[in-house]
Amino acid sequence: MLLILASLIIPIIWLTYELKKHDKLEKNALNDFWRREEEANLVRKKPLDNLNYVEIPFDFIPESLLTDNEEVKDCLELLNKLSEKKIVNFTGFSNTDLKMEYGAANLTELSQYDENYTLYARTIYKLANLYYQNGYESNARVLLEKAVESGTDISGNYLLLAKIYQEHEETDKLNSLLRSAENLRPAASKKNLIRSLEECARKC
């Protein structure tokens, strides 16, 4: 009887302990967040001259290519509009991170730069994919490489570029692409991508 009671009580005690520990960790994390947020709101505005601004690679986008394709036209129109704006990749940075680094007063402007980058990265991938599907692999390759250089976290860029490298048995390029993916932030979002790239590298 005592053994039966013990077998019931011990798991309950352990579960209670684990729940309390989880609640404490969650509370501490929340307290740390609000403390850091308060600190970030006090950071003074800083100059934005030294940001890593992204330039749209028009030198690698021939205007005479697929001129009858409406999707290509839409991509080019979007890129032309974006060329008049400032583009910065802040993938993996929270609003608190941005305020801590550049000052709270810059947050709206920085968020717009990041939105511009998201649109840029998606458009470049779409255009590269259109080139690839229509037989212009070399043009697609250049745009995908430019996107990866800019730090995009769009997995399609990496996977399509990996496919091209694999088709040409370019193992060194595949390994370099894998390292670029490993450097993406945040870490949690890239596990599946890295696994897919490792599989491509093994097959090359």
N, C-alpha and C. Protein backbone atom coordinates (compact mmCIF):
# COMPACT_ATOMS: atom_id res chain seq x y z
N MET A 1 0.82 -1.21 0.00
CA MET A 1 0.00 0.00 0.00
C MET A 1 0.86 1.27 0.00
N LEU A 2 1.89 1.23 0.87
CA LEU A 2 2.79 2.37 0.94
C LEU A 2 3.52 2.59 -0.39
N LEU A 3 3.88 1.47 -1.03
CA LEU A 3 4.57 1.58 -2.33
C LEU A 3 3.66 2.21 -3.39
N ILE A 4 2.39 1.83 -3.34
CA ILE A 4 1.42 2.38 -4.30
C ILE A 4 1.26 3.89 -4.08
N LEU A 5 1.13 4.28 -2.79
CA LEU A 5 0.99 5.71 -2.47
C LEU A 5 2.23 6.48 -2.91
N ALA A 6 3.38 5.90 -2.65
CA ALA A 6 4.64 6.56 -3.03
C ALA A 6 4.73 6.73 -4.54
N SER A 7 4.28 5.68 -5.27
CA SER A 7 4.33 5.75 -6.74
C SER A 7 3.39 6.81 -7.29
N LEU A 8 2.36 7.15 -6.51
CA LEU A 8 1.43 8.20 -6.93
C LEU A 8 1.90 9.59 -6.49
N ILE A 9 2.43 9.66 -5.29
CA ILE A 9 2.81 10.95 -4.72
C ILE A 9 4.07 11.53 -5.37
N ILE A 10 5.07 10.68 -5.59
CA ILE A 10 6.34 11.16 -6.13
C ILE A 10 6.17 11.86 -7.49
N PRO A 11 5.42 11.28 -8.45
CA PRO A 11 5.22 12.00 -9.72
C PRO A 11 4.51 13.33 -9.53
N ILE A 12 3.55 13.39 -8.58
CA ILE A 12 2.83 14.63 -8.33
C ILE A 12 3.78 15.70 -7.79
N ILE A 13 4.64 15.29 -6.85
CA ILE A 13 5.62 16.23 -6.30
C ILE A 13 6.57 16.73 -7.38
N TRP A 14 7.01 15.80 -8.23
CA TRP A 14 7.94 16.17 -9.32
C TRP A 14 7.27 17.12 -10.30
N LEU A 15 6.01 16.85 -10.66
CA LEU A 15 5.28 17.70 -11.59
C LEU A 15 5.07 19.09 -11.00
N THR A 16 4.73 19.14 -9.71
CA THR A 16 4.54 20.44 -9.05
C THR A 16 5.82 21.25 -9.07
N TYR A 17 6.94 20.55 -8.79
CA TYR A 17 8.25 21.22 -8.81
C TYR A 17 8.57 21.77 -10.19
N GLU A 18 8.33 20.95 -11.23
CA GLU A 18 8.64 21.38 -12.60
C GLU A 18 7.78 22.56 -13.03
N LEU A 19 6.51 22.54 -12.64
CA LEU A 19 5.61 23.65 -12.99
C LEU A 19 6.05 24.94 -12.32
N LYS A 20 6.44 24.83 -11.05
CA LYS A 20 6.91 26.03 -10.33
C LYS A 20 8.20 26.56 -10.94
N LYS A 21 9.08 25.63 -11.32
CA LYS A 21 10.35 26.05 -11.94
C LYS A 21 10.09 26.75 -13.27
N HIS A 22 9.16 26.18 -14.07
CA HIS A 22 8.81 26.79 -15.36
C HIS A 22 8.22 28.18 -15.16
N ASP A 23 7.31 28.31 -14.20
CA ASP A 23 6.69 29.61 -13.92
C ASP A 23 7.73 30.64 -13.51
N LYS A 24 8.70 30.20 -12.70
CA LYS A 24 9.74 31.11 -12.24
C LYS A 24 10.62 31.58 -13.40
N LEU A 25 10.98 30.64 -14.28
CA LEU A 25 11.79 30.99 -15.44
C LEU A 25 11.05 31.94 -16.37
N GLU A 26 9.75 31.67 -16.55
CA GLU A 26 8.93 32.51 -17.42
C GLU A 26 8.80 33.92 -16.84
N LYS A 27 8.61 33.98 -15.53
CA LYS A 27 8.49 35.28 -14.85
C LYS A 27 9.79 36.06 -14.96
N ASN A 28 10.92 35.37 -14.76
CA ASN A 28 12.22 36.03 -14.87
C ASN A 28 12.47 36.55 -16.27
N ALA A 29 12.09 35.74 -17.27
CA ALA A 29 12.27 36.15 -18.66
C ALA A 29 11.43 37.38 -18.97
N LEU A 30 10.20 37.40 -18.45
CA LEU A 30 9.32 38.54 -18.68
C LEU A 30 9.86 39.79 -17.99
N ASN A 31 10.36 39.62 -16.77
CA ASN A 31 10.95 40.75 -16.04
C ASN A 31 12.17 41.30 -16.77
N ASP A 32 12.99 40.38 -17.31
CA ASP A 32 14.18 40.80 -18.06
C ASP A 32 13.79 41.57 -19.32
N PHE A 33 12.72 41.09 -19.97
CA PHE A 33 12.25 41.76 -21.19
C PHE A 33 11.83 43.20 -20.88
N TRP A 34 11.01 43.38 -19.85
CA TRP A 34 10.50 44.72 -19.54
C TRP A 34 11.62 45.63 -19.03
N ARG A 35 12.58 45.06 -18.31
CA ARG A 35 13.72 45.85 -17.86
C ARG A 35 14.52 46.36 -19.06
N ARG A 36 14.76 45.46 -20.02
CA ARG A 36 15.52 45.84 -21.21
C ARG A 36 14.73 46.81 -22.08
N GLU A 37 13.42 46.62 -22.13
CA GLU A 37 12.57 47.52 -22.91
C GLU A 37 12.60 48.93 -22.33
N GLU A 38 12.57 49.04 -21.02
CA GLU A 38 12.65 50.35 -20.37
C GLU A 38 13.99 51.02 -20.66
N GLU A 39 15.04 50.23 -20.61
CA GLU A 39 16.37 50.77 -20.92
C GLU A 39 16.44 51.25 -22.38
N ALA A 40 15.86 50.44 -23.27
CA ALA A 40 15.89 50.78 -24.70
C ALA A 40 15.16 52.08 -24.99
N ASN A 41 14.05 52.30 -24.29
CA ASN A 41 13.26 53.52 -24.51
C ASN A 41 13.99 54.79 -24.07
N LEU A 42 15.07 54.62 -23.31
CA LEU A 42 15.84 55.77 -22.84
C LEU A 42 17.08 56.05 -23.69
N VAL A 43 17.37 55.15 -24.64
CA VAL A 43 18.55 55.33 -25.49
C VAL A 43 18.31 56.48 -26.46
N ARG A 44 19.25 57.39 -26.52
CA ARG A 44 19.11 58.58 -27.37
C ARG A 44 19.32 58.24 -28.84
N LYS A 45 18.73 59.04 -29.69
CA LYS A 45 18.81 58.85 -31.14
C LYS A 45 20.25 58.92 -31.62
N LYS A 46 20.62 57.95 -32.48
CA LYS A 46 21.98 57.89 -33.01
C LYS A 46 21.97 58.05 -34.54
N PRO A 47 23.08 58.49 -35.12
CA PRO A 47 23.16 58.62 -36.58
C PRO A 47 23.00 57.26 -37.27
N LEU A 48 22.42 57.28 -38.46
CA LEU A 48 22.20 56.04 -39.20
C LEU A 48 23.07 55.96 -40.45
N ASP A 49 24.12 56.77 -40.49
CA ASP A 49 24.96 56.84 -41.69
C ASP A 49 25.72 55.54 -41.96
N ASN A 50 26.06 54.81 -40.92
CA ASN A 50 26.91 53.63 -41.09
C ASN A 50 26.16 52.31 -41.18
N LEU A 51 24.86 52.38 -41.42
CA LEU A 51 24.09 51.15 -41.58
C LEU A 51 24.52 50.42 -42.86
N ASN A 52 24.29 49.12 -42.90
CA ASN A 52 24.66 48.31 -44.06
C ASN A 52 23.51 48.35 -45.08
N TYR A 53 23.45 49.45 -45.80
CA TYR A 53 22.36 49.63 -46.77
C TYR A 53 22.52 48.68 -47.95
N VAL A 54 21.41 48.14 -48.40
CA VAL A 54 21.40 47.17 -49.51
C VAL A 54 21.17 47.91 -50.82
N GLU A 55 22.02 47.62 -51.78
CA GLU A 55 21.86 48.18 -53.13
C GLU A 55 21.19 47.13 -54.04
N ILE A 56 20.21 47.55 -54.78
CA ILE A 56 19.53 46.62 -55.69
C ILE A 56 20.46 46.33 -56.88
N PRO A 57 20.72 45.05 -57.18
CA PRO A 57 21.72 44.69 -58.21
C PRO A 57 21.19 44.82 -59.63
N PHE A 58 20.88 46.05 -60.05
CA PHE A 58 20.33 46.26 -61.38
C PHE A 58 21.31 45.85 -62.49
N ASP A 59 22.60 45.87 -62.19
CA ASP A 59 23.60 45.48 -63.19
C ASP A 59 23.42 44.03 -63.63
N PHE A 60 22.76 43.24 -62.80
CA PHE A 60 22.57 41.82 -63.08
C PHE A 60 21.12 41.49 -63.45
N ILE A 61 20.34 42.53 -63.73
CA ILE A 61 18.93 42.32 -64.09
C ILE A 61 18.70 42.93 -65.48
N PRO A 62 18.88 42.16 -66.55
CA PRO A 62 18.72 42.69 -67.91
C PRO A 62 17.27 43.07 -68.21
N GLU A 63 17.07 44.30 -68.62
CA GLU A 63 15.70 44.78 -68.91
C GLU A 63 15.10 44.11 -70.14
N SER A 64 15.95 43.56 -70.99
CA SER A 64 15.46 42.95 -72.23
C SER A 64 15.05 41.49 -72.06
N LEU A 65 15.19 40.97 -70.84
CA LEU A 65 14.92 39.54 -70.61
C LEU A 65 13.47 39.33 -70.18
N LEU A 66 12.77 38.43 -70.88
CA LEU A 66 11.38 38.06 -70.56
C LEU A 66 10.47 39.30 -70.46
N THR A 67 10.59 40.18 -71.45
CA THR A 67 9.84 41.43 -71.42
C THR A 67 8.33 41.23 -71.58
N ASP A 68 7.93 40.05 -72.08
CA ASP A 68 6.50 39.78 -72.27
C ASP A 68 5.88 39.06 -71.07
N ASN A 69 6.69 38.83 -70.04
CA ASN A 69 6.21 38.12 -68.85
C ASN A 69 5.72 39.15 -67.82
N GLU A 70 4.42 39.09 -67.52
CA GLU A 70 3.83 40.09 -66.62
C GLU A 70 4.41 40.02 -65.21
N GLU A 71 4.72 38.81 -64.75
CA GLU A 71 5.28 38.67 -63.41
C GLU A 71 6.67 39.30 -63.33
N VAL A 72 7.45 39.14 -64.38
CA VAL A 72 8.77 39.77 -64.43
C VAL A 72 8.62 41.28 -64.43
N LYS A 73 7.68 41.79 -65.21
CA LYS A 73 7.44 43.23 -65.24
C LYS A 73 7.07 43.77 -63.86
N ASP A 74 6.23 43.03 -63.16
CA ASP A 74 5.82 43.45 -61.80
C ASP A 74 7.03 43.50 -60.87
N CYS A 75 7.90 42.50 -60.98
CA CYS A 75 9.10 42.46 -60.14
C CYS A 75 10.00 43.66 -60.42
N LEU A 76 10.21 43.95 -61.70
CA LEU A 76 11.07 45.07 -62.07
C LEU A 76 10.49 46.39 -61.61
N GLU A 77 9.17 46.52 -61.70
CA GLU A 77 8.51 47.75 -61.26
C GLU A 77 8.69 47.93 -59.75
N LEU A 78 8.53 46.85 -58.99
CA LEU A 78 8.71 46.91 -57.54
C LEU A 78 10.14 47.28 -57.18
N LEU A 79 11.10 46.68 -57.85
CA LEU A 79 12.50 46.95 -57.57
C LEU A 79 12.87 48.39 -57.90
N ASN A 80 12.30 48.91 -58.96
CA ASN A 80 12.56 50.31 -59.32
C ASN A 80 12.01 51.26 -58.26
N LYS A 81 10.84 50.95 -57.73
CA LYS A 81 10.26 51.77 -56.67
C LYS A 81 11.11 51.68 -55.40
N LEU A 82 11.57 50.47 -55.10
CA LEU A 82 12.39 50.27 -53.90
C LEU A 82 13.74 50.97 -54.01
N SER A 83 14.24 51.14 -55.23
CA SER A 83 15.55 51.77 -55.42
C SER A 83 15.57 53.21 -54.93
N GLU A 84 14.40 53.81 -54.78
CA GLU A 84 14.30 55.19 -54.30
C GLU A 84 14.23 55.26 -52.77
N LYS A 85 14.23 54.07 -52.13
CA LYS A 85 14.10 54.01 -50.67
C LYS A 85 15.35 53.40 -50.04
N LYS A 86 15.46 53.54 -48.74
CA LYS A 86 16.57 52.94 -48.02
C LYS A 86 16.19 51.53 -47.58
N ILE A 87 17.12 50.61 -47.79
CA ILE A 87 16.87 49.19 -47.53
C ILE A 87 17.95 48.65 -46.59
N VAL A 88 17.52 48.10 -45.47
CA VAL A 88 18.47 47.51 -44.53
C VAL A 88 17.88 46.21 -43.99
N ASN A 89 18.71 45.20 -43.89
CA ASN A 89 18.28 43.90 -43.38
C ASN A 89 18.46 43.85 -41.86
N PHE A 90 17.33 43.81 -41.14
CA PHE A 90 17.37 43.66 -39.68
C PHE A 90 16.75 42.33 -39.25
N THR A 91 16.85 41.33 -40.11
CA THR A 91 16.31 40.02 -39.79
C THR A 91 16.91 39.50 -38.48
N GLY A 92 16.04 39.06 -37.58
CA GLY A 92 16.50 38.51 -36.31
C GLY A 92 16.64 39.53 -35.20
N PHE A 93 16.45 40.83 -35.53
CA PHE A 93 16.52 41.88 -34.52
C PHE A 93 15.11 42.26 -34.07
N SER A 94 14.90 42.32 -32.78
CA SER A 94 13.61 42.76 -32.25
C SER A 94 13.57 44.28 -32.20
N ASN A 95 12.39 44.84 -31.96
CA ASN A 95 12.27 46.28 -31.81
C ASN A 95 13.14 46.78 -30.64
N THR A 96 13.18 45.98 -29.59
CA THR A 96 14.01 46.35 -28.44
C THR A 96 15.48 46.39 -28.83
N ASP A 97 15.93 45.41 -29.62
CA ASP A 97 17.32 45.40 -30.09
C ASP A 97 17.63 46.68 -30.87
N LEU A 98 16.71 47.05 -31.75
CA LEU A 98 16.93 48.23 -32.60
C LEU A 98 17.00 49.50 -31.76
N LYS A 99 16.12 49.61 -30.78
CA LYS A 99 16.12 50.79 -29.92
C LYS A 99 17.39 50.85 -29.08
N MET A 100 17.84 49.72 -28.57
CA MET A 100 19.07 49.67 -27.79
C MET A 100 20.27 50.11 -28.62
N GLU A 101 20.27 49.72 -29.89
CA GLU A 101 21.43 49.97 -30.75
C GLU A 101 21.42 51.37 -31.37
N TYR A 102 20.22 51.84 -31.78
CA TYR A 102 20.17 53.08 -32.55
C TYR A 102 19.32 54.19 -31.93
N GLY A 103 18.68 53.90 -30.81
CA GLY A 103 17.86 54.91 -30.17
C GLY A 103 16.39 54.73 -30.47
N ALA A 104 15.56 54.96 -29.45
CA ALA A 104 14.12 54.74 -29.59
C ALA A 104 13.49 55.61 -30.67
N ALA A 105 14.00 56.82 -30.84
CA ALA A 105 13.41 57.76 -31.81
C ALA A 105 13.59 57.30 -33.25
N ASN A 106 14.52 56.38 -33.48
CA ASN A 106 14.77 55.89 -34.85
C ASN A 106 13.94 54.66 -35.20
N LEU A 107 13.16 54.14 -34.27
CA LEU A 107 12.50 52.84 -34.49
C LEU A 107 11.59 52.84 -35.71
N THR A 108 10.76 53.85 -35.87
CA THR A 108 9.82 53.89 -37.00
C THR A 108 10.57 53.86 -38.33
N GLU A 109 11.62 54.66 -38.40
CA GLU A 109 12.41 54.72 -39.63
C GLU A 109 13.12 53.39 -39.91
N LEU A 110 13.69 52.81 -38.88
CA LEU A 110 14.39 51.54 -39.05
C LEU A 110 13.43 50.41 -39.43
N SER A 111 12.24 50.44 -38.86
CA SER A 111 11.23 49.43 -39.21
C SER A 111 10.86 49.52 -40.68
N GLN A 112 10.80 50.76 -41.20
CA GLN A 112 10.49 50.95 -42.62
C GLN A 112 11.62 50.41 -43.49
N TYR A 113 12.86 50.64 -43.08
CA TYR A 113 14.00 50.11 -43.82
C TYR A 113 13.92 48.59 -43.89
N ASP A 114 13.54 47.98 -42.77
CA ASP A 114 13.47 46.52 -42.70
C ASP A 114 12.31 45.99 -43.54
N GLU A 115 11.18 46.71 -43.54
CA GLU A 115 10.06 46.32 -44.40
C GLU A 115 10.47 46.39 -45.87
N ASN A 116 11.23 47.42 -46.21
CA ASN A 116 11.74 47.55 -47.58
C ASN A 116 12.62 46.36 -47.93
N TYR A 117 13.43 45.93 -46.97
CA TYR A 117 14.30 44.78 -47.23
C TYR A 117 13.49 43.51 -47.45
N THR A 118 12.48 43.30 -46.63
CA THR A 118 11.65 42.10 -46.78
C THR A 118 11.03 42.05 -48.17
N LEU A 119 10.52 43.19 -48.63
CA LEU A 119 9.93 43.26 -49.98
C LEU A 119 11.00 43.03 -51.04
N TYR A 120 12.17 43.61 -50.83
CA TYR A 120 13.29 43.42 -51.75
C TYR A 120 13.66 41.94 -51.87
N ALA A 121 13.86 41.29 -50.72
CA ALA A 121 14.30 39.89 -50.71
C ALA A 121 13.27 38.98 -51.38
N ARG A 122 12.01 39.22 -51.10
CA ARG A 122 10.96 38.40 -51.71
C ARG A 122 10.90 38.61 -53.22
N THR A 123 11.07 39.85 -53.64
CA THR A 123 10.99 40.17 -55.07
C THR A 123 12.18 39.59 -55.82
N ILE A 124 13.36 39.70 -55.23
CA ILE A 124 14.56 39.14 -55.86
C ILE A 124 14.41 37.63 -56.02
N TYR A 125 13.89 36.96 -54.98
CA TYR A 125 13.70 35.51 -55.07
C TYR A 125 12.68 35.17 -56.16
N LYS A 126 11.58 35.91 -56.19
CA LYS A 126 10.56 35.65 -57.21
C LYS A 126 11.12 35.82 -58.61
N LEU A 127 11.89 36.90 -58.81
CA LEU A 127 12.47 37.15 -60.12
C LEU A 127 13.49 36.07 -60.49
N ALA A 128 14.32 35.67 -59.54
CA ALA A 128 15.30 34.61 -59.79
C ALA A 128 14.60 33.30 -60.15
N ASN A 129 13.53 33.01 -59.45
CA ASN A 129 12.78 31.79 -59.71
C ASN A 129 12.16 31.81 -61.10
N LEU A 130 11.68 32.97 -61.51
CA LEU A 130 11.11 33.12 -62.86
C LEU A 130 12.19 32.91 -63.91
N TYR A 131 13.36 33.48 -63.68
CA TYR A 131 14.47 33.27 -64.61
C TYR A 131 14.81 31.78 -64.72
N TYR A 132 14.90 31.13 -63.57
CA TYR A 132 15.28 29.72 -63.55
C TYR A 132 14.24 28.86 -64.28
N GLN A 133 12.98 29.10 -64.01
CA GLN A 133 11.90 28.32 -64.62
C GLN A 133 11.85 28.52 -66.14
N ASN A 134 12.33 29.65 -66.61
CA ASN A 134 12.28 29.95 -68.04
C ASN A 134 13.61 29.70 -68.75
N GLY A 135 14.53 29.00 -68.06
CA GLY A 135 15.76 28.57 -68.70
C GLY A 135 16.94 29.52 -68.59
N TYR A 136 16.81 30.57 -67.77
CA TYR A 136 17.91 31.53 -67.62
C TYR A 136 18.59 31.30 -66.26
N GLU A 137 19.23 30.14 -66.18
CA GLU A 137 19.83 29.73 -64.91
C GLU A 137 20.92 30.67 -64.42
N SER A 138 21.78 31.14 -65.33
CA SER A 138 22.89 32.00 -64.92
C SER A 138 22.39 33.31 -64.32
N ASN A 139 21.32 33.84 -64.88
CA ASN A 139 20.73 35.08 -64.33
C ASN A 139 20.12 34.83 -62.96
N ALA A 140 19.46 33.69 -62.84
CA ALA A 140 18.87 33.32 -61.55
C ALA A 140 19.95 33.16 -60.50
N ARG A 141 21.02 32.50 -60.89
CA ARG A 141 22.12 32.21 -59.96
C ARG A 141 22.70 33.50 -59.36
N VAL A 142 22.95 34.48 -60.20
CA VAL A 142 23.54 35.73 -59.73
C VAL A 142 22.63 36.41 -58.72
N LEU A 143 21.34 36.48 -59.01
CA LEU A 143 20.40 37.14 -58.11
C LEU A 143 20.28 36.40 -56.78
N LEU A 144 20.26 35.09 -56.85
CA LEU A 144 20.20 34.29 -55.61
C LEU A 144 21.44 34.51 -54.76
N GLU A 145 22.60 34.58 -55.41
CA GLU A 145 23.85 34.82 -54.68
C GLU A 145 23.85 36.20 -54.05
N LYS A 146 23.31 37.19 -54.75
CA LYS A 146 23.21 38.54 -54.19
C LYS A 146 22.28 38.56 -52.97
N ALA A 147 21.20 37.82 -53.06
CA ALA A 147 20.26 37.75 -51.94
C ALA A 147 20.91 37.12 -50.72
N VAL A 148 21.65 36.04 -50.94
CA VAL A 148 22.33 35.38 -49.83
C VAL A 148 23.39 36.30 -49.22
N GLU A 149 24.12 37.03 -50.07
CA GLU A 149 25.12 37.98 -49.58
C GLU A 149 24.50 39.04 -48.68
N SER A 150 23.25 39.40 -48.96
CA SER A 150 22.57 40.44 -48.17
C SER A 150 22.02 39.90 -46.86
N GLY A 151 22.12 38.57 -46.66
CA GLY A 151 21.68 37.97 -45.41
C GLY A 151 20.22 37.57 -45.36
N THR A 152 19.60 37.36 -46.51
CA THR A 152 18.20 36.96 -46.52
C THR A 152 17.98 35.66 -45.76
N ASP A 153 16.82 35.55 -45.12
CA ASP A 153 16.48 34.29 -44.44
C ASP A 153 15.39 33.53 -45.19
N ILE A 154 15.11 33.94 -46.43
CA ILE A 154 14.12 33.23 -47.24
C ILE A 154 14.73 31.91 -47.71
N SER A 155 14.21 30.81 -47.23
CA SER A 155 14.81 29.51 -47.48
C SER A 155 14.84 29.16 -48.97
N GLY A 156 13.86 29.66 -49.73
CA GLY A 156 13.81 29.38 -51.15
C GLY A 156 15.06 29.82 -51.88
N ASN A 157 15.64 30.94 -51.48
CA ASN A 157 16.88 31.42 -52.09
C ASN A 157 17.99 30.38 -51.95
N TYR A 158 18.13 29.85 -50.75
CA TYR A 158 19.20 28.89 -50.46
C TYR A 158 18.95 27.56 -51.17
N LEU A 159 17.71 27.12 -51.14
CA LEU A 159 17.40 25.80 -51.70
C LEU A 159 17.52 25.79 -53.22
N LEU A 160 17.07 26.87 -53.87
CA LEU A 160 17.20 26.92 -55.33
C LEU A 160 18.67 27.07 -55.73
N LEU A 161 19.40 27.89 -54.99
CA LEU A 161 20.82 28.05 -55.28
C LEU A 161 21.57 26.74 -55.04
N ALA A 162 21.19 26.03 -53.98
CA ALA A 162 21.80 24.73 -53.70
C ALA A 162 21.53 23.75 -54.84
N LYS A 163 20.33 23.81 -55.37
CA LYS A 163 19.97 22.93 -56.49
C LYS A 163 20.86 23.20 -57.70
N ILE A 164 21.10 24.49 -57.96
CA ILE A 164 21.96 24.87 -59.09
C ILE A 164 23.38 24.39 -58.86
N TYR A 165 23.89 24.62 -57.64
CA TYR A 165 25.25 24.16 -57.31
C TYR A 165 25.36 22.65 -57.42
N GLN A 166 24.34 21.96 -56.96
CA GLN A 166 24.35 20.49 -56.99
C GLN A 166 24.36 19.98 -58.42
N GLU A 167 23.58 20.61 -59.27
CA GLU A 167 23.52 20.20 -60.68
C GLU A 167 24.88 20.34 -61.36
N HIS A 168 25.69 21.30 -60.89
CA HIS A 168 27.01 21.53 -61.48
C HIS A 168 28.13 20.93 -60.62
N GLU A 169 27.73 20.17 -59.60
CA GLU A 169 28.68 19.49 -58.71
C GLU A 169 29.69 20.47 -58.10
N GLU A 170 29.20 21.61 -57.66
CA GLU A 170 30.06 22.63 -57.06
C GLU A 170 30.02 22.48 -55.53
N THR A 171 30.79 21.53 -55.04
CA THR A 171 30.78 21.20 -53.62
C THR A 171 31.23 22.37 -52.76
N ASP A 172 32.27 23.07 -53.19
CA ASP A 172 32.78 24.21 -52.41
C ASP A 172 31.72 25.29 -52.26
N LYS A 173 30.99 25.55 -53.32
CA LYS A 173 29.93 26.55 -53.28
C LYS A 173 28.81 26.11 -52.34
N LEU A 174 28.50 24.84 -52.38
CA LEU A 174 27.47 24.30 -51.48
C LEU A 174 27.87 24.45 -50.02
N ASN A 175 29.12 24.15 -49.73
CA ASN A 175 29.61 24.27 -48.36
C ASN A 175 29.60 25.72 -47.90
N SER A 176 29.95 26.62 -48.79
CA SER A 176 29.91 28.05 -48.46
C SER A 176 28.48 28.52 -48.20
N LEU A 177 27.55 28.00 -49.00
CA LEU A 177 26.14 28.33 -48.82
C LEU A 177 25.64 27.82 -47.48
N LEU A 178 26.08 26.65 -47.11
CA LEU A 178 25.71 26.06 -45.82
C LEU A 178 26.21 26.93 -44.67
N ARG A 179 27.43 27.43 -44.78
CA ARG A 179 27.97 28.31 -43.73
C ARG A 179 27.18 29.60 -43.62
N SER A 180 26.74 30.12 -44.76
CA SER A 180 25.92 31.33 -44.74
C SER A 180 24.60 31.10 -44.01
N ALA A 181 24.01 29.94 -44.24
CA ALA A 181 22.75 29.59 -43.57
C ALA A 181 22.97 29.42 -42.07
N GLU A 182 24.10 28.85 -41.70
CA GLU A 182 24.40 28.63 -40.28
C GLU A 182 24.57 29.95 -39.53
N ASN A 183 24.94 31.01 -40.24
CA ASN A 183 25.15 32.31 -39.61
C ASN A 183 23.88 33.15 -39.52
N LEU A 184 22.79 32.63 -40.04
CA LEU A 184 21.53 33.36 -39.96
C LEU A 184 21.06 33.44 -38.51
N ARG A 185 20.31 34.49 -38.20
CA ARG A 185 19.68 34.59 -36.89
C ARG A 185 18.20 34.84 -37.09
N PRO A 186 17.33 34.36 -36.23
CA PRO A 186 17.65 33.56 -35.05
C PRO A 186 17.92 32.10 -35.41
N ALA A 187 18.59 31.39 -34.51
CA ALA A 187 19.03 30.02 -34.78
C ALA A 187 17.85 29.06 -34.98
N ALA A 188 16.78 29.26 -34.23
CA ALA A 188 15.67 28.30 -34.23
C ALA A 188 15.01 28.17 -35.60
N SER A 189 15.06 29.22 -36.40
CA SER A 189 14.32 29.22 -37.66
C SER A 189 15.09 28.58 -38.82
N LYS A 190 16.34 28.17 -38.60
CA LYS A 190 17.15 27.71 -39.72
C LYS A 190 17.47 26.22 -39.70
N LYS A 191 16.97 25.50 -38.71
CA LYS A 191 17.33 24.08 -38.57
C LYS A 191 16.94 23.26 -39.79
N ASN A 192 15.71 23.41 -40.26
CA ASN A 192 15.26 22.64 -41.41
C ASN A 192 16.04 23.01 -42.67
N LEU A 193 16.34 24.31 -42.81
CA LEU A 193 17.10 24.77 -43.97
C LEU A 193 18.49 24.14 -43.97
N ILE A 194 19.17 24.17 -42.84
CA ILE A 194 20.51 23.59 -42.74
C ILE A 194 20.48 22.10 -43.03
N ARG A 195 19.46 21.42 -42.53
CA ARG A 195 19.33 19.98 -42.77
C ARG A 195 19.19 19.71 -44.27
N SER A 196 18.41 20.51 -44.97
CA SER A 196 18.21 20.34 -46.41
C SER A 196 19.50 20.61 -47.18
N LEU A 197 20.23 21.65 -46.76
CA LEU A 197 21.49 21.98 -47.44
C LEU A 197 22.55 20.90 -47.20
N GLU A 198 22.57 20.36 -46.00
CA GLU A 198 23.51 19.27 -45.71
C GLU A 198 23.22 18.06 -46.57
N GLU A 199 21.94 17.80 -46.80
CA GLU A 199 21.54 16.67 -47.65
C GLU A 199 22.00 16.92 -49.09
N CYS A 200 21.87 18.15 -49.56
CA CYS A 200 22.34 18.49 -50.92
C CYS A 200 23.85 18.30 -51.02
N ALA A 201 24.58 18.73 -49.98
CA ALA A 201 26.04 18.61 -49.99
C ALA A 201 26.47 17.15 -50.03
N ARG A 202 25.74 16.30 -49.33
CA ARG A 202 26.08 14.87 -49.32
C ARG A 202 25.87 14.24 -50.69
N LYS A 203 24.90 14.74 -51.41
CA LYS A 203 24.59 14.17 -52.73
C LYS A 203 25.50 14.68 -53.82
N CYS A 204 26.18 15.79 -53.53
CA CYS A 204 27.01 16.42 -54.57
C CYS A 204 28.29 15.61 -54.84
